[in-house]
């Protein structure tokens, strides 16, 4: 049986992204590759690399995304996630802001919400 962090492993195609309540936060063709504690967000222009740490003992599950390359080297996004079948819901705050408590992105909370589908 797969553990909760292992369910994140794989390639995920981004289908929706909202930042501070605005749609279109990521360019078309963006995808994620997650393997263990390595997390990469691939856009047509750049590969954003992070190291992740997850806590599956809380609901919603928590994820910390520590940026390991430019342009935000050394910063950490605090987030939450859930996996439903082949769909990954990921909400995170901007560096320095509190961890989200829900999967909603508004102008007020300045959160980023992305929805991705696992590729097989």
N, C-alpha and C. Protein backbone atom coordinates (compact mmCIF):
# COMPACT_ATOMS: atom_id res chain seq x y z
N UNK A 1 0.84 -1.20 0.00
CA UNK A 1 0.00 0.00 0.00
C UNK A 1 0.88 1.25 0.00
N UNK A 2 0.48 2.25 -0.77
CA UNK A 2 1.24 3.47 -0.92
C UNK A 2 1.04 4.37 0.31
N UNK A 3 2.15 4.96 0.81
CA UNK A 3 1.97 5.91 1.92
C UNK A 3 1.54 7.26 1.36
N UNK A 4 1.14 8.14 2.23
CA UNK A 4 0.55 9.42 1.81
C UNK A 4 1.54 10.30 1.05
N UNK A 5 2.84 10.25 1.38
CA UNK A 5 3.78 11.07 0.60
C UNK A 5 4.05 10.44 -0.75
N UNK A 6 4.10 9.10 -0.80
CA UNK A 6 4.36 8.44 -2.08
C UNK A 6 3.28 8.73 -3.11
N UNK A 7 2.05 9.00 -2.66
CA UNK A 7 0.98 9.29 -3.62
C UNK A 7 1.26 10.58 -4.40
N UNK A 8 2.16 11.42 -3.90
CA UNK A 8 2.54 12.64 -4.60
C UNK A 8 3.51 12.37 -5.74
N UNK A 9 4.24 11.26 -5.68
CA UNK A 9 5.27 10.97 -6.68
C UNK A 9 4.66 10.85 -8.08
N UNK A 10 5.34 11.47 -9.06
CA UNK A 10 4.92 11.33 -10.44
C UNK A 10 4.90 12.67 -11.15
N UNK A 11 4.34 12.63 -12.36
CA UNK A 11 4.19 13.84 -13.18
C UNK A 11 2.73 14.28 -13.11
N UNK A 12 2.54 15.57 -12.85
CA UNK A 12 1.21 16.16 -12.70
C UNK A 12 1.07 17.32 -13.69
N UNK A 13 0.07 17.25 -14.56
CA UNK A 13 -0.20 18.35 -15.50
C UNK A 13 -1.12 19.36 -14.82
N UNK A 14 -0.69 20.60 -14.82
CA UNK A 14 -1.47 21.67 -14.21
C UNK A 14 -2.69 21.96 -15.08
N UNK A 15 -3.87 21.91 -14.47
CA UNK A 15 -5.10 22.17 -15.22
C UNK A 15 -5.73 23.51 -14.84
N UNK A 16 -5.37 24.02 -13.66
CA UNK A 16 -5.94 25.29 -13.20
C UNK A 16 -5.01 25.90 -12.17
N UNK A 17 -4.88 27.22 -12.22
CA UNK A 17 -4.09 27.94 -11.22
C UNK A 17 -4.71 29.30 -10.98
N UNK A 18 -4.90 29.62 -9.70
CA UNK A 18 -5.48 30.89 -9.29
C UNK A 18 -4.55 31.52 -8.27
N UNK A 19 -4.21 32.78 -8.46
CA UNK A 19 -3.35 33.50 -7.52
C UNK A 19 -4.06 34.77 -7.09
N UNK A 20 -4.25 34.91 -5.78
CA UNK A 20 -4.94 36.08 -5.22
C UNK A 20 -6.28 36.31 -5.92
N UNK A 21 -6.99 35.20 -6.20
CA UNK A 21 -8.31 35.30 -6.81
C UNK A 21 -8.33 35.47 -8.31
N UNK A 22 -7.17 35.54 -8.96
CA UNK A 22 -7.08 35.74 -10.41
C UNK A 22 -6.71 34.44 -11.11
N UNK A 23 -7.52 34.04 -12.11
CA UNK A 23 -7.22 32.85 -12.90
C UNK A 23 -5.98 33.05 -13.75
N UNK A 24 -5.40 31.94 -14.21
CA UNK A 24 -4.28 32.00 -15.14
C UNK A 24 -2.95 32.29 -14.51
N UNK A 25 -2.72 31.76 -13.30
CA UNK A 25 -1.48 32.04 -12.58
C UNK A 25 -0.27 31.30 -13.15
N UNK A 26 -0.48 30.34 -14.03
CA UNK A 26 0.63 29.60 -14.64
C UNK A 26 0.38 29.46 -16.13
N UNK A 27 1.46 29.48 -16.93
CA UNK A 27 1.28 29.36 -18.38
C UNK A 27 0.82 27.96 -18.79
N UNK A 28 0.18 27.90 -19.94
CA UNK A 28 -0.27 26.63 -20.50
C UNK A 28 0.93 25.70 -20.67
N UNK A 29 0.74 24.41 -20.39
CA UNK A 29 1.80 23.44 -20.52
C UNK A 29 2.63 23.27 -19.26
N UNK A 30 2.28 23.96 -18.19
CA UNK A 30 3.01 23.82 -16.93
C UNK A 30 2.72 22.46 -16.32
N UNK A 31 3.76 21.82 -15.79
CA UNK A 31 3.57 20.54 -15.10
C UNK A 31 4.51 20.46 -13.90
N UNK A 32 4.18 19.53 -13.01
CA UNK A 32 4.98 19.26 -11.81
C UNK A 32 5.58 17.88 -11.92
N UNK A 33 6.79 17.74 -11.40
CA UNK A 33 7.39 16.42 -11.22
C UNK A 33 7.78 16.33 -9.75
N UNK A 34 7.23 15.32 -9.08
CA UNK A 34 7.50 15.12 -7.65
C UNK A 34 8.07 13.72 -7.48
N UNK A 35 9.21 13.65 -6.81
CA UNK A 35 9.84 12.36 -6.51
C UNK A 35 10.49 12.48 -5.14
N UNK A 36 9.92 11.78 -4.14
CA UNK A 36 10.46 11.88 -2.79
C UNK A 36 10.33 13.30 -2.29
N UNK A 37 11.46 13.92 -1.90
CA UNK A 37 11.39 15.30 -1.42
C UNK A 37 11.77 16.32 -2.50
N UNK A 38 11.92 15.86 -3.75
CA UNK A 38 12.20 16.76 -4.87
C UNK A 38 10.89 17.15 -5.57
N UNK A 39 10.72 18.44 -5.78
CA UNK A 39 9.51 18.99 -6.39
C UNK A 39 9.96 19.99 -7.45
N UNK A 40 9.55 19.76 -8.69
CA UNK A 40 9.89 20.68 -9.78
C UNK A 40 8.61 21.15 -10.46
N UNK A 41 8.57 22.45 -10.72
CA UNK A 41 7.47 23.05 -11.46
C UNK A 41 8.05 23.54 -12.78
N UNK A 42 7.63 22.88 -13.86
CA UNK A 42 8.15 23.18 -15.19
C UNK A 42 7.19 24.09 -15.94
N UNK A 43 7.69 25.25 -16.36
CA UNK A 43 6.93 26.14 -17.23
C UNK A 43 7.71 26.23 -18.55
N UNK A 44 7.11 26.78 -19.60
CA UNK A 44 7.86 26.91 -20.84
C UNK A 44 9.15 27.73 -20.68
N UNK A 45 9.21 28.63 -19.71
CA UNK A 45 10.35 29.52 -19.57
C UNK A 45 11.35 29.12 -18.48
N UNK A 46 10.95 28.30 -17.52
CA UNK A 46 11.82 28.07 -16.36
C UNK A 46 11.42 26.79 -15.63
N UNK A 47 12.38 26.20 -14.94
CA UNK A 47 12.11 25.08 -14.03
C UNK A 47 12.36 25.59 -12.62
N UNK A 48 11.30 25.59 -11.81
CA UNK A 48 11.39 26.03 -10.42
C UNK A 48 11.59 24.79 -9.56
N UNK A 49 12.68 24.76 -8.77
CA UNK A 49 13.00 23.59 -7.97
C UNK A 49 12.77 23.88 -6.49
N UNK A 50 12.20 22.87 -5.82
CA UNK A 50 11.96 22.97 -4.39
C UNK A 50 12.27 21.63 -3.71
N UNK A 51 12.53 21.71 -2.42
CA UNK A 51 12.59 20.52 -1.57
C UNK A 51 11.33 20.58 -0.73
N UNK A 52 10.63 19.44 -0.63
CA UNK A 52 9.39 19.46 0.11
C UNK A 52 9.48 18.64 1.39
N UNK A 53 8.68 19.06 2.33
CA UNK A 53 8.48 18.32 3.57
C UNK A 53 6.98 18.28 3.78
N UNK A 54 6.43 17.08 4.02
CA UNK A 54 4.99 16.95 4.21
C UNK A 54 4.67 16.43 5.60
N UNK A 55 3.50 16.79 6.07
CA UNK A 55 2.97 16.27 7.33
C UNK A 55 1.58 15.74 7.03
N UNK A 56 1.46 14.41 7.00
CA UNK A 56 0.18 13.79 6.67
C UNK A 56 -0.61 13.42 7.92
N UNK A 57 -0.11 13.82 9.10
CA UNK A 57 -0.82 13.50 10.34
C UNK A 57 -1.90 14.53 10.64
N UNK A 58 -1.96 15.61 9.85
CA UNK A 58 -2.96 16.65 10.06
C UNK A 58 -3.86 16.72 8.82
N UNK A 59 -5.04 17.29 9.01
CA UNK A 59 -5.99 17.42 7.91
C UNK A 59 -6.43 18.86 7.82
N UNK A 60 -6.19 19.55 6.69
CA UNK A 60 -5.57 19.01 5.49
C UNK A 60 -4.07 18.79 5.68
N UNK A 61 -3.52 17.90 4.83
CA UNK A 61 -2.09 17.62 4.90
C UNK A 61 -1.30 18.90 4.63
N UNK A 62 -0.18 19.04 5.32
CA UNK A 62 0.65 20.23 5.15
C UNK A 62 1.86 19.91 4.28
N UNK A 63 2.30 20.92 3.54
CA UNK A 63 3.49 20.80 2.70
C UNK A 63 4.28 22.10 2.80
N UNK A 64 5.59 21.96 3.00
CA UNK A 64 6.51 23.09 2.96
C UNK A 64 7.34 22.94 1.69
N UNK A 65 7.41 24.01 0.90
CA UNK A 65 8.15 23.98 -0.36
C UNK A 65 9.31 24.96 -0.25
N UNK A 66 10.51 24.43 0.02
CA UNK A 66 11.71 25.26 0.16
C UNK A 66 12.34 25.45 -1.21
N UNK A 67 12.47 26.69 -1.64
CA UNK A 67 12.98 27.00 -2.98
C UNK A 67 14.49 26.80 -3.01
N UNK A 68 14.95 26.02 -4.00
CA UNK A 68 16.38 25.68 -4.08
C UNK A 68 17.07 26.26 -5.30
N UNK A 69 16.36 27.07 -6.10
CA UNK A 69 17.01 27.76 -7.21
C UNK A 69 16.42 29.15 -7.37
N UNK A 70 17.04 29.95 -8.17
CA UNK A 70 16.55 31.31 -8.42
C UNK A 70 15.17 31.22 -9.04
N UNK A 71 14.32 32.23 -9.00
CA UNK A 71 14.62 33.57 -8.51
C UNK A 71 14.38 33.78 -7.01
N UNK A 72 13.80 32.83 -6.30
CA UNK A 72 13.46 33.03 -4.89
C UNK A 72 14.25 32.11 -3.96
N UNK A 73 15.51 31.87 -4.28
CA UNK A 73 16.36 30.96 -3.52
C UNK A 73 16.29 31.25 -2.01
N UNK A 74 16.08 30.18 -1.23
CA UNK A 74 16.09 30.30 0.22
C UNK A 74 14.74 30.60 0.85
N UNK A 75 13.74 30.95 0.05
CA UNK A 75 12.41 31.22 0.60
C UNK A 75 11.61 29.92 0.67
N UNK A 76 10.57 29.92 1.50
CA UNK A 76 9.72 28.74 1.65
C UNK A 76 8.26 29.13 1.52
N UNK A 77 7.55 28.35 0.72
CA UNK A 77 6.10 28.48 0.62
C UNK A 77 5.49 27.48 1.59
N UNK A 78 4.59 27.94 2.45
CA UNK A 78 3.85 27.04 3.35
C UNK A 78 2.52 26.73 2.69
N UNK A 79 2.19 25.43 2.65
CA UNK A 79 0.97 25.05 1.94
C UNK A 79 0.23 23.90 2.56
N UNK A 80 -0.87 23.57 1.91
CA UNK A 80 -1.68 22.40 2.23
C UNK A 80 -1.97 21.69 0.92
N UNK A 81 -2.28 20.40 1.01
CA UNK A 81 -2.63 19.66 -0.20
C UNK A 81 -3.59 18.53 0.12
N UNK A 82 -4.24 18.07 -0.94
CA UNK A 82 -5.01 16.82 -0.85
C UNK A 82 -4.99 16.17 -2.22
N UNK A 83 -5.04 14.85 -2.19
CA UNK A 83 -5.10 14.06 -3.42
C UNK A 83 -6.43 13.33 -3.42
N UNK A 84 -7.17 13.51 -4.50
CA UNK A 84 -8.44 12.79 -4.70
C UNK A 84 -8.31 12.03 -6.01
N UNK A 85 -8.08 10.72 -5.91
CA UNK A 85 -7.87 9.93 -7.12
C UNK A 85 -6.61 10.39 -7.82
N UNK A 86 -6.74 10.86 -9.05
CA UNK A 86 -5.59 11.36 -9.83
C UNK A 86 -5.53 12.89 -9.85
N UNK A 87 -6.18 13.54 -8.90
CA UNK A 87 -6.20 15.01 -8.86
C UNK A 87 -5.50 15.52 -7.61
N UNK A 88 -4.58 16.45 -7.81
CA UNK A 88 -3.85 17.08 -6.71
C UNK A 88 -4.33 18.52 -6.56
N UNK A 89 -4.78 18.84 -5.35
CA UNK A 89 -5.15 20.20 -4.98
C UNK A 89 -4.05 20.72 -4.08
N UNK A 90 -3.44 21.83 -4.46
CA UNK A 90 -2.33 22.41 -3.70
C UNK A 90 -2.59 23.89 -3.51
N UNK A 91 -2.63 24.31 -2.24
CA UNK A 91 -2.78 25.73 -1.92
C UNK A 91 -1.57 26.14 -1.12
N UNK A 92 -0.95 27.28 -1.49
CA UNK A 92 0.19 27.74 -0.71
C UNK A 92 0.16 29.26 -0.59
N UNK A 93 0.81 29.72 0.46
CA UNK A 93 0.94 31.14 0.71
C UNK A 93 2.22 31.64 0.06
N UNK A 94 2.30 32.93 -0.12
CA UNK A 94 3.55 33.54 -0.56
C UNK A 94 4.54 33.51 0.60
N UNK A 95 5.84 33.52 0.33
CA UNK A 95 6.82 33.48 1.42
C UNK A 95 6.55 34.57 2.46
N UNK A 96 6.62 34.16 3.74
CA UNK A 96 6.41 35.09 4.84
C UNK A 96 4.97 35.21 5.29
N UNK A 97 4.05 34.61 4.55
CA UNK A 97 2.63 34.65 4.92
C UNK A 97 2.24 33.35 5.60
N UNK A 98 1.16 33.35 6.39
CA UNK A 98 0.76 32.14 7.10
C UNK A 98 0.27 31.04 6.16
N UNK A 99 0.38 29.81 6.64
CA UNK A 99 -0.07 28.64 5.89
C UNK A 99 -1.58 28.73 5.63
N UNK A 100 -2.03 28.39 4.43
CA UNK A 100 -3.47 28.38 4.16
C UNK A 100 -4.20 27.38 5.08
N UNK A 101 -5.46 27.64 5.28
CA UNK A 101 -6.31 26.72 6.04
C UNK A 101 -7.42 26.15 5.16
N UNK A 102 -7.49 26.62 3.90
CA UNK A 102 -8.51 26.13 2.98
C UNK A 102 -7.97 26.20 1.54
N UNK A 103 -8.75 25.64 0.64
CA UNK A 103 -8.35 25.58 -0.77
C UNK A 103 -9.09 26.65 -1.57
N UNK A 104 -9.00 27.89 -1.09
CA UNK A 104 -9.65 29.03 -1.74
C UNK A 104 -8.61 30.14 -1.91
N UNK A 105 -8.56 30.73 -3.10
CA UNK A 105 -7.65 31.84 -3.37
C UNK A 105 -8.46 33.11 -3.58
N UNK A 106 -8.17 34.14 -2.76
CA UNK A 106 -8.87 35.41 -2.87
C UNK A 106 -7.85 36.55 -2.86
N UNK A 107 -8.32 37.73 -3.22
CA UNK A 107 -7.47 38.92 -3.14
C UNK A 107 -7.01 39.12 -1.69
N UNK A 108 -7.92 38.87 -0.75
CA UNK A 108 -7.60 39.10 0.66
C UNK A 108 -6.54 38.14 1.20
N UNK A 109 -6.64 36.85 0.87
CA UNK A 109 -5.67 35.90 1.47
C UNK A 109 -4.39 35.76 0.65
N UNK A 110 -4.39 36.24 -0.61
CA UNK A 110 -3.19 36.21 -1.45
C UNK A 110 -2.63 34.80 -1.68
N UNK A 111 -3.45 33.76 -1.50
CA UNK A 111 -3.00 32.39 -1.68
C UNK A 111 -2.97 32.01 -3.16
N UNK A 112 -2.18 30.99 -3.45
CA UNK A 112 -2.14 30.39 -4.78
C UNK A 112 -2.80 29.02 -4.66
N UNK A 113 -3.72 28.73 -5.55
CA UNK A 113 -4.39 27.43 -5.59
C UNK A 113 -4.14 26.83 -6.96
N UNK A 114 -3.61 25.61 -6.98
CA UNK A 114 -3.42 24.93 -8.25
C UNK A 114 -4.07 23.55 -8.18
N UNK A 115 -4.57 23.12 -9.34
CA UNK A 115 -5.17 21.81 -9.49
C UNK A 115 -4.44 21.12 -10.63
N UNK A 116 -3.95 19.91 -10.35
CA UNK A 116 -3.18 19.16 -11.35
C UNK A 116 -3.70 17.74 -11.45
N UNK A 117 -3.52 17.13 -12.62
CA UNK A 117 -3.95 15.76 -12.87
C UNK A 117 -2.72 14.89 -13.12
N UNK A 118 -2.68 13.74 -12.44
CA UNK A 118 -1.54 12.83 -12.56
C UNK A 118 -1.50 12.18 -13.94
N UNK A 119 -0.30 12.12 -14.50
CA UNK A 119 -0.10 11.49 -15.81
C UNK A 119 0.36 10.05 -15.60
N UNK A 120 -0.19 9.14 -16.37
CA UNK A 120 0.18 7.72 -16.24
C UNK A 120 0.89 7.24 -17.48
